[in-house]
């Protein structure tokens, strides 16, 4: 069930980054995940966040999911574009 978190587009409900959109990159433990936004947080630096402070919006496209799994730098632009699109819709 935890594997379902990878590739989800989420929004932060708590903290300084409240309202900011991220993509879940990996699962640390039962309670925490690593997030990426393509700008400040990328493959080299990821944000650690408690799952209960996140709200799942939707699942990212397969192209983005495959880019995350391969750690493809070209995928970062797709992530930035997708998160910007989600922010406009909400």
Protein backbone atom coordinates (compact mmCIF):
# COMPACT_ATOMS: atom_id res chain seq x y z
CA UNK A 1 0.00 0.00 0.00
CA UNK A 2 2.86 2.40 0.74
CA UNK A 3 4.22 1.95 -2.80
CA UNK A 4 1.07 3.71 -4.01
CA UNK A 5 2.46 6.96 -2.61
CA UNK A 6 5.31 7.14 -5.16
CA UNK A 7 4.34 9.42 -8.05
CA UNK A 8 1.43 11.07 -6.24
CA UNK A 9 0.99 14.82 -6.55
CA UNK A 10 0.38 16.18 -3.07
CA UNK A 11 -0.17 19.52 -1.37
CA UNK A 12 1.21 20.41 2.05
CA UNK A 13 -1.41 21.01 4.77
CA UNK A 14 0.94 22.05 7.59
CA UNK A 15 4.17 23.93 8.09
CA UNK A 16 5.94 26.80 6.40
CA UNK A 17 5.27 25.28 3.02
CA UNK A 18 1.49 25.07 3.52
CA UNK A 19 -0.29 25.09 0.15
CA UNK A 20 2.79 24.09 -1.86
CA UNK A 21 2.61 21.25 -4.38
CA UNK A 22 5.09 18.36 -4.54
CA UNK A 23 5.59 14.95 -6.13
CA UNK A 24 6.31 11.99 -3.83
CA UNK A 25 9.66 10.48 -4.80
CA UNK A 26 10.19 7.76 -2.20
CA UNK A 27 9.04 6.41 1.13
CA UNK A 28 11.33 6.70 4.14
CA UNK A 29 9.32 4.85 6.75
CA UNK A 30 5.75 4.35 7.94
CA UNK A 31 5.25 8.04 8.59
CA UNK A 32 7.56 9.98 6.26
CA UNK A 33 8.06 10.44 2.52
CA UNK A 34 10.56 12.35 0.37
CA UNK A 35 9.15 15.06 -1.87
CA UNK A 36 10.36 16.95 -4.91
CA UNK A 37 9.17 20.12 -6.62
CA UNK A 38 11.74 20.31 -9.46
CA UNK A 39 13.10 23.69 -8.38
CA UNK A 40 14.39 23.90 -4.82
CA UNK A 41 14.01 20.18 -4.17
CA UNK A 42 15.33 17.89 -6.91
CA UNK A 43 17.18 14.59 -7.11
CA UNK A 44 20.13 15.85 -5.07
CA UNK A 45 18.06 17.46 -2.32
CA UNK A 46 14.62 16.24 -1.35
CA UNK A 47 12.15 17.41 1.27
CA UNK A 48 11.22 15.08 4.11
CA UNK A 49 7.59 15.39 5.21
CA UNK A 50 5.18 13.53 7.45
CA UNK A 51 2.41 11.79 5.49
CA UNK A 52 -0.30 13.11 7.77
CA UNK A 53 0.66 16.67 6.76
CA UNK A 54 -0.03 15.96 3.08
CA UNK A 55 -3.18 15.81 1.01
CA UNK A 56 -3.09 13.65 -2.13
CA UNK A 57 -4.36 15.52 -5.18
CA UNK A 58 -3.84 13.08 -8.06
CA UNK A 59 -1.44 10.57 -9.58
CA UNK A 60 1.29 11.91 -11.88
CA UNK A 61 1.50 10.70 -15.47
CA UNK A 62 3.50 7.56 -16.26
CA UNK A 63 6.13 9.66 -18.05
CA UNK A 64 6.84 11.59 -14.83
CA UNK A 65 6.76 8.42 -12.73
CA UNK A 66 9.29 6.70 -15.00
CA UNK A 67 11.50 9.81 -14.93
CA UNK A 68 11.44 9.80 -11.13
CA UNK A 69 12.37 6.13 -10.97
CA UNK A 70 15.27 6.66 -13.45
CA UNK A 71 16.24 9.98 -11.79
CA UNK A 72 16.14 11.63 -15.20
CA UNK A 73 17.17 15.31 -15.09
CA UNK A 74 15.06 16.06 -18.19
CA UNK A 75 11.98 15.01 -16.22
CA UNK A 76 12.39 17.98 -13.84
CA UNK A 77 10.87 20.37 -16.38
CA UNK A 78 7.85 18.10 -16.74
CA UNK A 79 7.46 18.03 -12.95
CA UNK A 80 7.67 21.82 -12.68
CA UNK A 81 5.11 22.24 -15.49
CA UNK A 82 2.72 19.65 -13.98
CA UNK A 83 2.87 21.15 -10.48
CA UNK A 84 2.28 24.65 -11.89
CA UNK A 85 -0.77 23.31 -13.74
CA UNK A 86 -2.14 21.74 -10.54
CA UNK A 87 -1.59 24.99 -8.62
CA UNK A 88 -3.61 26.92 -11.21
CA UNK A 89 -6.49 24.45 -11.09
CA UNK A 90 -6.87 24.63 -7.32
